[in-house]
């Protein structure tokens, strides 16, 4: 029982931390791109942020896919997309 409680606590705290990191990254990518002279193209930065937000919101689908398929197949698909 103690082991299950420990697993629950780890999952309970790791999910909000993961979400906060993802939202922070989506929030500051534009500032990061503006600080680099190579990445100053507005449309490109907007498209990158949009795709990152879309795939970040689909995280639960990727998590469900990990239950049925191997790690290499799921993350290989993410890399191709």
Protein backbone atom coordinates (compact mmCIF):
# COMPACT_ATOMS: atom_id res chain seq x y z
CA UNK A 1 0.00 0.00 0.00
CA UNK A 2 2.85 2.37 0.81
CA UNK A 3 4.31 1.78 -2.66
CA UNK A 4 1.03 2.70 -4.35
CA UNK A 5 0.79 5.87 -2.31
CA UNK A 6 4.32 6.84 -3.34
CA UNK A 7 3.52 6.22 -7.02
CA UNK A 8 0.36 8.31 -6.74
CA UNK A 9 2.20 11.20 -5.10
CA UNK A 10 4.90 11.17 -7.78
CA UNK A 11 2.34 11.16 -10.58
CA UNK A 12 0.23 13.80 -8.82
CA UNK A 13 3.16 16.22 -8.65
CA UNK A 14 4.80 15.37 -11.98
CA UNK A 15 1.72 16.11 -14.10
CA UNK A 16 1.27 19.75 -12.97
CA UNK A 17 5.01 20.37 -13.25
CA UNK A 18 4.99 18.96 -16.77
CA UNK A 19 2.04 21.14 -17.75
CA UNK A 20 3.63 24.27 -16.28
CA UNK A 21 6.87 23.64 -18.17
CA UNK A 22 4.95 23.12 -21.42
CA UNK A 23 2.88 26.27 -21.02
CA UNK A 24 5.95 28.30 -20.09
CA UNK A 25 7.80 27.09 -23.18
CA UNK A 26 4.88 27.98 -25.44
CA UNK A 27 4.70 31.39 -23.77
CA UNK A 28 8.37 32.39 -24.16
CA UNK A 29 9.31 30.88 -27.54
CA UNK A 30 8.44 34.20 -29.21
CA UNK A 31 10.69 36.18 -26.87
CA UNK A 32 13.49 33.68 -27.50
CA UNK A 33 13.01 33.94 -31.26
CA UNK A 34 12.99 37.73 -31.18
CA UNK A 35 16.29 37.76 -29.30
CA UNK A 36 17.98 35.77 -32.09
CA UNK A 37 18.61 37.64 -35.36
CA UNK A 38 18.29 34.40 -37.35
CA UNK A 39 14.77 33.68 -36.03
CA UNK A 40 13.15 37.09 -36.48
CA UNK A 41 10.53 35.92 -38.98
CA UNK A 42 7.11 36.53 -37.35
CA UNK A 43 5.10 34.01 -39.39
CA UNK A 44 7.60 31.21 -38.75
CA UNK A 45 7.58 31.83 -35.00
CA UNK A 46 3.79 31.88 -34.97
CA UNK A 47 3.58 28.58 -36.86
CA UNK A 48 6.10 26.90 -34.56
CA UNK A 49 4.20 28.06 -31.47
CA UNK A 50 0.88 26.93 -32.92
CA UNK A 51 2.14 23.45 -33.76
CA UNK A 52 3.77 23.15 -30.34
CA UNK A 53 0.50 24.07 -28.65
CA UNK A 54 -1.53 21.64 -30.76
CA UNK A 55 0.79 18.70 -30.16
CA UNK A 56 1.12 19.62 -26.50
CA UNK A 57 -2.65 19.50 -26.10
CA UNK A 58 -2.70 16.06 -27.71
CA UNK A 59 -0.38 14.71 -25.01
CA UNK A 60 -3.11 12.48 -23.58
CA UNK A 61 -3.57 10.77 -26.95
CA UNK A 62 0.17 10.08 -27.12
CA UNK A 63 0.04 8.76 -23.57
CA UNK A 64 -2.76 6.37 -24.47
CA UNK A 65 -0.83 5.25 -27.54
CA UNK A 66 2.14 4.40 -25.31
CA UNK A 67 -0.08 1.91 -23.49
CA UNK A 68 -0.68 -0.02 -26.71
CA UNK A 69 2.45 0.53 -28.82
CA UNK A 70 6.15 0.60 -28.17
CA UNK A 71 8.02 3.72 -27.14
CA UNK A 72 10.00 3.79 -30.40
CA UNK A 73 6.89 3.68 -32.58
CA UNK A 74 5.05 6.44 -30.73
CA UNK A 75 7.95 8.86 -30.45
CA UNK A 76 9.11 8.02 -33.96
CA UNK A 77 5.66 9.11 -35.15
CA UNK A 78 5.97 12.32 -33.12
CA UNK A 79 9.34 13.06 -34.69
CA UNK A 80 8.01 12.49 -38.20
CA UNK A 81 5.02 14.76 -37.53
